[in-house]
């Protein structure tokens, strides 16, 4: 066996050896821990209702925990490392809504009372890391049965007063089952109001600027040729308490990589080592 073949085998072994270490590595960014691989970010949310076609959907939320598939459950729970991870979402604009199987465009200017579903476009979700000690924590349930714009504004301020941890923008896709088009698809459990209870889903792309941007900008989904970094699933209902008209839960499913820069540098180093050896061998020949 030639020395170059031995080196090539060594490079391959080293590359293979580091992949499990990367996939099992735990990363802590501003107090929030996650592992490489599939992530499920579970949250509680509070959101607005839509009273006219010009309204946009917005709200706040708290990340309950981050779960990692294949790593034994939660890698981070709210409060761990003295940290709360909160978020503010806005800019989800009504594109069309449905009365039964009939959909109406936003320009129809008809009411929402009989809507069974709504399609949205746009949308931004920003996540912020914030310390429990010395910080103002988000607690939307602290004002029971009071729907008040001042209280809602205070919640938004408390949700966004930390460090920008991760930023997402809604991705417009076509639902392959229904043919609906949008960045968020909401459906209701009743025919009386789309706001009385239901669920929604959509896809998200990472936007530059957050502390964890490079770890979650992973192109995890391909939806009919449209590439996205994460999938959002939510459920909502009329709350019994809190300043927001609706409350519910949401989960962001995505993929994470531990330290993409370090992995890339090591790979380049191995390739460079092989190239150097080849040059030296050719000179000897």
C-alpha atoms as a PDB file:
ATOM      1  CA  UNK A   1       0.000   0.000   0.000  1.00  0.00           C
ATOM      2  CA  UNK A   2       1.413   3.426  -0.975  1.00  0.00           C
ATOM      3  CA  UNK A   3       1.938   6.191   1.554  1.00  0.00           C
ATOM      4  CA  UNK A   4      -0.653   8.339  -0.239  1.00  0.00           C
ATOM      5  CA  UNK A   5      -3.283   5.632  -0.007  1.00  0.00           C
ATOM      6  CA  UNK A   6      -2.519   5.313   3.688  1.00  0.00           C
ATOM      7  CA  UNK A   7      -2.956   9.065   4.081  1.00  0.00           C
ATOM      8  CA  UNK A   8      -6.228   8.981   2.150  1.00  0.00           C
ATOM      9  CA  UNK A   9      -7.533   6.256   4.454  1.00  0.00           C
ATOM     10  CA  UNK A  10      -6.430   8.269   7.479  1.00  0.00           C
ATOM     11  CA  UNK A  11      -8.285  11.318   6.176  1.00  0.00           C
ATOM     12  CA  UNK A  12     -11.441   9.262   5.603  1.00  0.00           C
ATOM     13  CA  UNK A  13     -11.228   7.704   9.055  1.00  0.00           C
ATOM     14  CA  UNK A  14     -10.690  11.092  10.679  1.00  0.00           C
ATOM     15  CA  UNK A  15     -13.638  12.564   8.802  1.00  0.00           C
ATOM     16  CA  UNK A  16     -15.903   9.683   9.773  1.00  0.00           C
ATOM     17  CA  UNK A  17     -14.729   9.810  13.349  1.00  0.00           C
ATOM     18  CA  UNK A  18     -15.624  13.440  13.787  1.00  0.00           C
ATOM     19  CA  UNK A  19     -19.173  13.141  12.422  1.00  0.00           C
ATOM     20  CA  UNK A  20     -20.611  11.284  15.443  1.00  0.00           C
ATOM     21  CA  UNK A  21     -18.884  13.757  17.747  1.00  0.00           C
ATOM     22  CA  UNK A  22     -20.507  16.641  15.865  1.00  0.00           C
ATOM     23  CA  UNK A  23     -23.935  15.024  15.832  1.00  0.00           C
ATOM     24  CA  UNK A  24     -23.822  14.415  19.603  1.00  0.00           C
ATOM     25  CA  UNK A  25     -22.285  17.747  20.562  1.00  0.00           C
ATOM     26  CA  UNK A  26     -24.253  20.029  22.855  1.00  0.00           C
ATOM     27  CA  UNK A  27     -24.044  23.732  22.086  1.00  0.00           C
ATOM     28  CA  UNK A  28     -24.988  26.505  24.534  1.00  0.00           C
ATOM     29  CA  UNK A  29     -25.694  29.912  22.994  1.00  0.00           C
ATOM     30  CA  UNK A  30     -26.533  32.710  25.433  1.00  0.00           C
ATOM     31  CA  UNK A  31     -27.847  30.225  27.985  1.00  0.00           C
ATOM     32  CA  UNK A  32     -29.917  28.089  25.580  1.00  0.00           C
ATOM     33  CA  UNK A  33     -28.672  24.533  24.948  1.00  0.00           C
ATOM     34  CA  UNK A  34     -29.380  22.319  21.939  1.00  0.00           C
ATOM     35  CA  UNK A  35     -27.878  19.290  20.233  1.00  0.00           C
ATOM     36  CA  UNK A  36     -27.107  18.634  16.598  1.00  0.00           C
ATOM     37  CA  UNK A  37     -29.815  16.871  14.630  1.00  0.00           C
ATOM     38  CA  UNK A  38     -33.596  17.118  14.600  1.00  0.00           C
ATOM     39  CA  UNK A  39     -34.964  19.657  17.065  1.00  0.00           C
ATOM     40  CA  UNK A  40     -38.500  20.220  18.338  1.00  0.00           C
ATOM     41  CA  UNK A  41     -38.874  23.649  19.934  1.00  0.00           C
ATOM     42  CA  UNK A  42     -42.133  23.570  21.933  1.00  0.00           C
ATOM     43  CA  UNK A  43     -43.777  26.822  23.005  1.00  0.00           C
ATOM     44  CA  UNK A  44     -46.782  28.507  24.576  1.00  0.00           C
ATOM     45  CA  UNK A  45     -48.292  31.369  22.564  1.00  0.00           C
ATOM     46  CA  UNK A  46     -50.740  34.254  22.887  1.00  0.00           C
ATOM     47  CA  UNK A  47     -52.065  35.980  19.768  1.00  0.00           C
ATOM     48  CA  UNK A  48     -54.417  38.552  18.302  1.00  0.00           C
ATOM     49  CA  UNK A  49     -57.667  38.043  16.388  1.00  0.00           C
ATOM     50  CA  UNK A  50     -58.524  39.442  12.963  1.00  0.00           C
ATOM     51  CA  UNK A  51     -61.335  42.001  12.785  1.00  0.00           C
ATOM     52  CA  UNK A  52     -60.802  43.258   9.220  1.00  0.00           C
ATOM     53  CA  UNK A  53     -59.056  42.230   6.028  1.00  0.00           C
ATOM     54  CA  UNK A  54     -56.331  44.793   6.683  1.00  0.00           C
ATOM     55  CA  UNK A  55     -55.306  43.221  10.013  1.00  0.00           C
ATOM     56  CA  UNK A  56     -52.185  41.134  10.402  1.00  0.00           C
ATOM     57  CA  UNK A  57     -51.737  38.268  12.836  1.00  0.00           C
ATOM     58  CA  UNK A  58     -49.306  38.903  15.698  1.00  0.00           C
ATOM     59  CA  UNK A  59     -48.528  37.612  19.148  1.00  0.00           C
ATOM     60  CA  UNK A  60     -45.955  36.591  21.740  1.00  0.00           C
ATOM     61  CA  UNK A  61     -44.742  33.318  23.145  1.00  0.00           C
ATOM     62  CA  UNK A  62     -42.417  31.498  25.530  1.00  0.00           C
ATOM     63  CA  UNK A  63     -40.271  28.530  24.512  1.00  0.00           C
ATOM     64  CA  UNK A  64     -41.075  25.753  26.986  1.00  0.00           C
ATOM     65  CA  UNK A  65     -38.216  23.467  26.001  1.00  0.00           C
ATOM     66  CA  UNK A  66     -36.038  22.188  23.175  1.00  0.00           C
ATOM     67  CA  UNK A  67     -36.173  18.469  22.454  1.00  0.00           C
ATOM     68  CA  UNK A  68     -33.616  16.573  20.407  1.00  0.00           C
ATOM     69  CA  UNK A  69     -34.535  13.383  18.540  1.00  0.00           C
ATOM     70  CA  UNK A  70     -32.193  10.568  19.501  1.00  0.00           C
ATOM     71  CA  UNK A  71     -30.469  12.439  22.328  1.00  0.00           C
ATOM     72  CA  UNK A  72     -32.661  11.443  25.247  1.00  0.00           C
ATOM     73  CA  UNK A  73     -35.326  14.156  25.356  1.00  0.00           C
ATOM     74  CA  UNK A  74     -34.992  17.797  26.375  1.00  0.00           C
ATOM     75  CA  UNK A  75     -31.667  19.546  25.928  1.00  0.00           C
ATOM     76  CA  UNK A  76     -32.977  22.787  27.429  1.00  0.00           C
ATOM     77  CA  UNK A  77     -36.004  23.716  29.573  1.00  0.00           C
ATOM     78  CA  UNK A  78     -37.234  27.262  30.208  1.00  0.00           C
ATOM     79  CA  UNK A  79     -35.354  28.712  33.167  1.00  0.00           C
ATOM     80  CA  UNK A  80     -32.306  26.504  32.727  1.00  0.00           C
ATOM     81  CA  UNK A  81     -29.048  28.482  32.847  1.00  0.00           C
ATOM     82  CA  UNK A  82     -31.099  31.346  34.318  1.00  0.00           C
ATOM     83  CA  UNK A  83     -32.538  31.982  30.838  1.00  0.00           C
ATOM     84  CA  UNK A  84     -35.946  32.522  29.258  1.00  0.00           C
ATOM     85  CA  UNK A  85     -36.357  32.230  25.474  1.00  0.00           C
ATOM     86  CA  UNK A  86     -39.270  34.339  24.246  1.00  0.00           C
ATOM     87  CA  UNK A  87     -40.552  35.370  20.840  1.00  0.00           C
ATOM     88  CA  UNK A  88     -42.655  37.923  19.001  1.00  0.00           C
ATOM     89  CA  UNK A  89     -44.343  37.134  15.693  1.00  0.00           C
ATOM     90  CA  UNK A  90     -45.980  39.648  13.375  1.00  0.00           C
ATOM     91  CA  UNK A  91     -46.704  40.485   9.760  1.00  0.00           C
ATOM     92  CA  UNK A  92     -48.830  37.447   8.858  1.00  0.00           C
ATOM     93  CA  UNK A  93     -51.210  39.097   6.383  1.00  0.00           C
ATOM     94  CA  UNK A  94     -54.579  37.631   5.332  1.00  0.00           C
ATOM     95  CA  UNK A  95     -54.487  36.459   1.722  1.00  0.00           C
ATOM     96  CA  UNK A  96     -57.720  34.459   1.432  1.00  0.00           C
ATOM     97  CA  UNK A  97     -60.325  32.832   3.663  1.00  0.00           C
ATOM     98  CA  UNK A  98     -62.801  30.035   3.135  1.00  0.00           C
ATOM     99  CA  UNK A  99     -66.555  29.601   3.609  1.00  0.00           C
ATOM    100  CA  UNK A 100     -66.701  25.840   3.517  1.00  0.00           C
ATOM    101  CA  UNK A 101     -64.917  24.820   0.320  1.00  0.00           C
ATOM    102  CA  UNK A 102     -65.308  28.266  -1.319  1.00  0.00           C
ATOM    103  CA  UNK A 103     -62.441  30.694  -0.884  1.00  0.00           C
ATOM    104  CA  UNK A 104     -62.534  34.466  -1.077  1.00  0.00           C
ATOM    105  CA  UNK A 105     -59.651  36.763  -1.898  1.00  0.00           C
ATOM    106  CA  UNK A 106     -58.628  39.501   0.500  1.00  0.00           C
ATOM    107  CA  UNK A 107     -59.998  42.084  -1.953  1.00  0.00           C
ATOM    108  CA  UNK A 108     -63.531  40.683  -1.574  1.00  0.00           C
ATOM    109  CA  UNK A 109     -63.888  42.763   1.614  1.00  0.00           C
ATOM    110  CA  UNK A 110     -66.461  40.371   3.075  1.00  0.00           C
ATOM    111  CA  UNK A 111     -66.735  39.322   6.714  1.00  0.00           C
ATOM    112  CA  UNK A 112     -64.978  36.599   8.644  1.00  0.00           C
ATOM    113  CA  UNK A 113     -67.992  35.263  10.558  1.00  0.00           C
ATOM    114  CA  UNK A 114     -68.422  32.125   8.455  1.00  0.00           C
ATOM    115  CA  UNK A 115     -64.764  31.447   7.749  1.00  0.00           C
ATOM    116  CA  UNK A 116     -63.566  27.869   8.190  1.00  0.00           C
ATOM    117  CA  UNK A 117     -59.939  28.594   7.258  1.00  0.00           C
ATOM    118  CA  UNK A 118     -57.543  31.437   6.448  1.00  0.00           C
ATOM    119  CA  UNK A 119     -54.370  31.517   4.345  1.00  0.00           C
ATOM    120  CA  UNK A 120     -51.670  34.023   5.290  1.00  0.00           C
ATOM    121  CA  UNK A 121     -48.634  35.445   3.520  1.00  0.00           C
ATOM    122  CA  UNK A 122     -45.509  37.036   4.981  1.00  0.00           C
ATOM    123  CA  UNK A 123     -44.760  36.772   8.664  1.00  0.00           C
ATOM    124  CA  UNK A 124     -41.695  37.154  10.887  1.00  0.00           C
ATOM    125  CA  UNK A 125     -40.841  35.296  14.122  1.00  0.00           C
ATOM    126  CA  UNK A 126     -38.023  36.644  16.312  1.00  0.00           C
ATOM    127  CA  UNK A 127     -36.736  34.698  19.316  1.00  0.00           C
ATOM    128  CA  UNK A 128     -34.927  36.465  22.191  1.00  0.00           C
ATOM    129  CA  UNK A 129     -32.810  35.101  25.033  1.00  0.00           C
ATOM    130  CA  UNK A 130     -33.300  36.876  28.354  1.00  0.00           C
ATOM    131  CA  UNK A 131     -31.948  36.366  31.867  1.00  0.00           C
ATOM    132  CA  UNK A 132     -34.275  35.584  34.764  1.00  0.00           C
ATOM    133  CA  UNK A 133     -32.126  37.579  37.162  1.00  0.00           C
ATOM    134  CA  UNK A 134     -32.173  41.292  36.474  1.00  0.00           C
ATOM    135  CA  UNK A 135     -34.501  41.044  33.480  1.00  0.00           C
ATOM    136  CA  UNK A 136     -38.194  41.753  32.900  1.00  0.00           C
ATOM    137  CA  UNK A 137     -39.803  38.380  32.200  1.00  0.00           C
ATOM    138  CA  UNK A 138     -42.688  37.717  29.860  1.00  0.00           C
ATOM    139  CA  UNK A 139     -45.876  36.562  31.639  1.00  0.00           C
ATOM    140  CA  UNK A 140     -48.963  37.134  29.417  1.00  0.00           C
ATOM    141  CA  UNK A 141     -51.247  35.242  31.821  1.00  0.00           C
ATOM    142  CA  UNK A 142     -50.629  37.692  34.657  1.00  0.00           C
ATOM    143  CA  UNK A 143     -53.734  39.790  33.828  1.00  0.00           C
ATOM    144  CA  UNK A 144     -56.694  37.394  33.813  1.00  0.00           C
ATOM    145  CA  UNK A 145     -59.710  38.159  31.628  1.00  0.00           C
ATOM    146  CA  UNK A 146     -58.401  41.568  30.586  1.00  0.00           C
ATOM    147  CA  UNK A 147     -57.972  42.107  26.850  1.00  0.00           C
ATOM    148  CA  UNK A 148     -56.167  45.412  26.709  1.00  0.00           C
ATOM    149  CA  UNK A 149     -53.900  46.970  24.069  1.00  0.00           C
ATOM    150  CA  UNK A 150     -51.659  48.513  26.729  1.00  0.00           C
ATOM    151  CA  UNK A 151     -51.086  45.147  28.394  1.00  0.00           C
ATOM    152  CA  UNK A 152     -50.453  43.552  24.988  1.00  0.00           C
ATOM    153  CA  UNK A 153     -47.855  46.234  24.194  1.00  0.00           C
ATOM    154  CA  UNK A 154     -46.150  45.563  27.522  1.00  0.00           C
ATOM    155  CA  UNK A 155     -46.000  41.843  26.704  1.00  0.00           C
ATOM    156  CA  UNK A 156     -44.429  42.610  23.328  1.00  0.00           C
ATOM    157  CA  UNK A 157     -41.828  44.799  25.026  1.00  0.00           C
ATOM    158  CA  UNK A 158     -41.026  42.042  27.539  1.00  0.00           C
ATOM    159  CA  UNK A 159     -40.810  39.434  24.767  1.00  0.00           C
ATOM    160  CA  UNK A 160     -38.276  41.452  22.784  1.00  0.00           C
ATOM    161  CA  UNK A 161     -36.038  43.003  25.445  1.00  0.00           C
ATOM    162  CA  UNK A 162     -33.402  40.258  25.343  1.00  0.00           C
ATOM    163  CA  UNK A 163     -30.746  39.343  22.795  1.00  0.00           C
ATOM    164  CA  UNK A 164     -31.938  38.348  19.326  1.00  0.00           C
ATOM    165  CA  UNK A 165     -31.313  34.600  19.367  1.00  0.00           C
ATOM    166  CA  UNK A 166     -32.935  33.441  16.124  1.00  0.00           C
ATOM    167  CA  UNK A 167     -35.015  35.113  13.419  1.00  0.00           C
ATOM    168  CA  UNK A 168     -37.403  33.425  10.971  1.00  0.00           C
ATOM    169  CA  UNK A 169     -39.421  34.664   7.992  1.00  0.00           C
ATOM    170  CA  UNK A 170     -42.485  32.894   6.621  1.00  0.00           C
ATOM    171  CA  UNK A 171     -41.958  30.923   3.398  1.00  0.00           C
ATOM    172  CA  UNK A 172     -44.740  30.821   0.802  1.00  0.00           C
ATOM    173  CA  UNK A 173     -45.418  27.226  -0.212  1.00  0.00           C
ATOM    174  CA  UNK A 174     -48.209  25.192  -1.790  1.00  0.00           C
ATOM    175  CA  UNK A 175     -49.865  22.634   0.462  1.00  0.00           C
ATOM    176  CA  UNK A 176     -49.586  19.452  -1.580  1.00  0.00           C
ATOM    177  CA  UNK A 177     -52.784  17.969  -0.089  1.00  0.00           C
ATOM    178  CA  UNK A 178     -55.177  20.901  -0.472  1.00  0.00           C
ATOM    179  CA  UNK A 179     -53.491  23.061  -3.088  1.00  0.00           C
ATOM    180  CA  UNK A 180     -53.696  26.090  -0.773  1.00  0.00           C
ATOM    181  CA  UNK A 181     -50.924  28.679  -1.125  1.00  0.00           C
ATOM    182  CA  UNK A 182     -49.428  30.695   1.734  1.00  0.00           C
ATOM    183  CA  UNK A 183     -46.815  31.026   4.472  1.00  0.00           C
ATOM    184  CA  UNK A 184     -49.318  29.957   7.171  1.00  0.00           C
ATOM    185  CA  UNK A 185     -52.473  27.848   6.818  1.00  0.00           C
ATOM    186  CA  UNK A 186     -55.063  28.183   9.609  1.00  0.00           C
ATOM    187  CA  UNK A 187     -58.124  25.973  10.032  1.00  0.00           C
ATOM    188  CA  UNK A 188     -60.910  26.210  12.598  1.00  0.00           C
ATOM    189  CA  UNK A 189     -62.814  23.581  14.551  1.00  0.00           C
ATOM    190  CA  UNK A 190     -66.157  25.343  14.069  1.00  0.00           C
ATOM    191  CA  UNK A 191     -67.973  27.165  11.263  1.00  0.00           C
ATOM    192  CA  UNK A 192     -68.822  30.172  13.444  1.00  0.00           C
ATOM    193  CA  UNK A 193     -65.444  31.857  13.728  1.00  0.00           C
ATOM    194  CA  UNK A 194     -61.940  31.019  12.648  1.00  0.00           C
ATOM    195  CA  UNK A 195     -60.836  32.392  16.011  1.00  0.00           C
ATOM    196  CA  UNK A 196     -62.825  30.116  18.310  1.00  0.00           C
ATOM    197  CA  UNK A 197     -60.384  27.222  18.081  1.00  0.00           C
ATOM    198  CA  UNK A 198     -58.250  25.491  15.526  1.00  0.00           C
ATOM    199  CA  UNK A 199     -54.769  24.876  14.231  1.00  0.00           C
ATOM    200  CA  UNK A 200     -52.230  26.114  11.749  1.00  0.00           C
ATOM    201  CA  UNK A 201     -48.996  25.180  10.000  1.00  0.00           C
ATOM    202  CA  UNK A 202     -46.438  26.722   7.698  1.00  0.00           C
ATOM    203  CA  UNK A 203     -42.749  26.863   6.846  1.00  0.00           C
ATOM    204  CA  UNK A 204     -39.949  29.218   7.903  1.00  0.00           C
ATOM    205  CA  UNK A 205     -36.564  30.440   6.674  1.00  0.00           C
ATOM    206  CA  UNK A 206     -33.781  31.639   8.961  1.00  0.00           C
ATOM    207  CA  UNK A 207     -32.981  35.345   8.615  1.00  0.00           C
ATOM    208  CA  UNK A 208     -29.484  36.616   9.406  1.00  0.00           C
ATOM    209  CA  UNK A 209     -28.870  38.514  12.619  1.00  0.00           C
ATOM    210  CA  UNK A 210     -29.567  36.091  15.489  1.00  0.00           C
ATOM    211  CA  UNK A 211     -26.918  34.542  17.725  1.00  0.00           C
ATOM    212  CA  UNK A 212     -27.856  31.017  16.561  1.00  0.00           C
ATOM    213  CA  UNK A 213     -28.317  31.847  12.847  1.00  0.00           C
ATOM    214  CA  UNK A 214     -25.554  29.604  11.485  1.00  0.00           C
ATOM    215  CA  UNK A 215     -26.690  26.656  13.594  1.00  0.00           C
ATOM    216  CA  UNK A 216     -30.265  26.611  12.266  1.00  0.00           C
ATOM    217  CA  UNK A 217     -29.813  27.820   8.664  1.00  0.00           C
ATOM    218  CA  UNK A 218     -29.840  24.211   7.447  1.00  0.00           C
ATOM    219  CA  UNK A 219     -32.352  23.926   4.551  1.00  0.00           C
ATOM    220  CA  UNK A 220     -34.138  21.094   6.373  1.00  0.00           C
ATOM    221  CA  UNK A 221     -37.264  20.914   4.166  1.00  0.00           C
ATOM    222  CA  UNK A 222     -38.009  20.694   0.447  1.00  0.00           C
ATOM    223  CA  UNK A 223     -41.685  21.420  -0.287  1.00  0.00           C
ATOM    224  CA  UNK A 224     -42.278  21.018  -4.003  1.00  0.00           C
ATOM    225  CA  UNK A 225     -38.918  22.592  -4.810  1.00  0.00           C
ATOM    226  CA  UNK A 226     -39.237  25.370  -2.195  1.00  0.00           C
ATOM    227  CA  UNK A 227     -36.479  25.098   0.424  1.00  0.00           C
ATOM    228  CA  UNK A 228     -37.171  26.006   4.070  1.00  0.00           C
ATOM    229  CA  UNK A 229     -35.291  25.698   7.347  1.00  0.00           C
ATOM    230  CA  UNK A 230     -38.167  24.810   9.690  1.00  0.00           C
ATOM    231  CA  UNK A 231     -41.818  23.798   9.947  1.00  0.00           C
ATOM    232  CA  UNK A 232     -44.235  25.594  12.282  1.00  0.00           C
ATOM    233  CA  UNK A 233     -47.289  23.846  13.781  1.00  0.00           C
ATOM    234  CA  UNK A 234     -49.718  25.572  16.147  1.00  0.00           C
ATOM    235  CA  UNK A 235     -53.074  25.202  17.887  1.00  0.00           C
ATOM    236  CA  UNK A 236     -55.201  27.986  19.351  1.00  0.00           C
ATOM    237  CA  UNK A 237     -58.372  28.592  21.348  1.00  0.00           C
ATOM    238  CA  UNK A 238     -60.176  31.389  23.194  1.00  0.00           C
ATOM    239  CA  UNK A 239     -58.261  31.799  26.471  1.00  0.00           C
ATOM    240  CA  UNK A 240     -59.737  31.759  29.949  1.00  0.00           C
ATOM    241  CA  UNK A 241     -57.209  34.326  31.110  1.00  0.00           C
ATOM    242  CA  UNK A 242     -54.618  36.751  29.846  1.00  0.00           C
ATOM    243  CA  UNK A 243     -54.463  39.990  27.894  1.00  0.00           C
ATOM    244  CA  UNK A 244     -54.603  38.301  24.482  1.00  0.00           C
ATOM    245  CA  UNK A 245     -57.828  37.090  22.792  1.00  0.00           C
ATOM    246  CA  UNK A 246     -56.306  33.733  21.821  1.00  0.00           C
ATOM    247  CA  UNK A 247     -53.863  31.363  23.450  1.00  0.00           C
ATOM    248  CA  UNK A 248     -52.392  28.042  22.441  1.00  0.00           C
ATOM    249  CA  UNK A 249     -49.224  26.134  21.706  1.00  0.00           C
ATOM    250  CA  UNK A 250     -46.760  25.987  18.847  1.00  0.00           C
ATOM    251  CA  UNK A 251     -43.821  23.822  17.853  1.00  0.00           C
ATOM    252  CA  UNK A 252     -40.962  24.562  15.474  1.00  0.00           C
ATOM    253  CA  UNK A 253     -39.417  21.446  13.963  1.00  0.00           C
ATOM    254  CA  UNK A 254     -36.009  21.918  12.419  1.00  0.00           C
ATOM    255  CA  UNK A 255     -32.472  20.616  12.190  1.00  0.00           C
ATOM    256  CA  UNK A 256     -29.410  21.995  13.932  1.00  0.00           C
ATOM    257  CA  UNK A 257     -25.678  21.733  13.442  1.00  0.00           C
ATOM    258  CA  UNK A 258     -23.285  22.291  16.352  1.00  0.00           C
ATOM    259  CA  UNK A 259     -20.368  24.352  15.053  1.00  0.00           C
ATOM    260  CA  UNK A 260     -20.503  24.543  11.254  1.00  0.00           C
ATOM    261  CA  UNK A 261     -17.434  26.775  11.045  1.00  0.00           C
ATOM    262  CA  UNK A 262     -15.265  24.368  13.036  1.00  0.00           C
ATOM    263  CA  UNK A 263     -16.451  21.336  11.070  1.00  0.00           C
ATOM    264  CA  UNK A 264     -15.755  23.082   7.771  1.00  0.00           C
ATOM    265  CA  UNK A 265     -12.303  24.225   8.888  1.00  0.00           C
ATOM    266  CA  UNK A 266     -11.323  20.721   9.976  1.00  0.00           C
ATOM    267  CA  UNK A 267     -12.514  19.314   6.659  1.00  0.00           C
ATOM    268  CA  UNK A 268     -10.515  21.927   4.737  1.00  0.00           C
ATOM    269  CA  UNK A 269      -7.478  21.144   6.875  1.00  0.00           C
ATOM    270  CA  UNK A 270      -7.652  17.441   6.035  1.00  0.00           C
ATOM    271  CA  UNK A 271      -8.064  18.192   2.343  1.00  0.00           C
ATOM    272  CA  UNK A 272      -5.104  20.588   2.492  1.00  0.00           C
ATOM    273  CA  UNK A 273      -2.973  17.953   4.212  1.00  0.00           C
ATOM    274  CA  UNK A 274      -3.711  15.471   1.442  1.00  0.00           C
ATOM    275  CA  UNK A 275      -2.941  18.042  -1.255  1.00  0.00           C
ATOM    276  CA  UNK A 276       0.392  18.919   0.378  1.00  0.00           C
ATOM    277  CA  UNK A 277       1.395  15.277   0.488  1.00  0.00           C
ATOM    278  CA  UNK A 278       0.537  14.839  -3.193  1.00  0.00           C
ATOM    279  CA  UNK A 279       2.683  17.826  -4.157  1.00  0.00           C
ATOM    280  CA  UNK A 280       5.666  16.493  -2.179  1.00  0.00           C
ATOM    281  CA  UNK A 281       5.248  13.057  -3.729  1.00  0.00           C
ATOM    282  CA  UNK A 282       5.152  14.476  -7.250  1.00  0.00           C
ATOM    283  CA  UNK A 283       8.390  16.457  -6.636  1.00  0.00           C
ATOM    284  CA  UNK A 284      10.177  13.311  -5.476  1.00  0.00           C
ATOM    285  CA  UNK A 285       9.046  11.499  -8.577  1.00  0.00           C
END
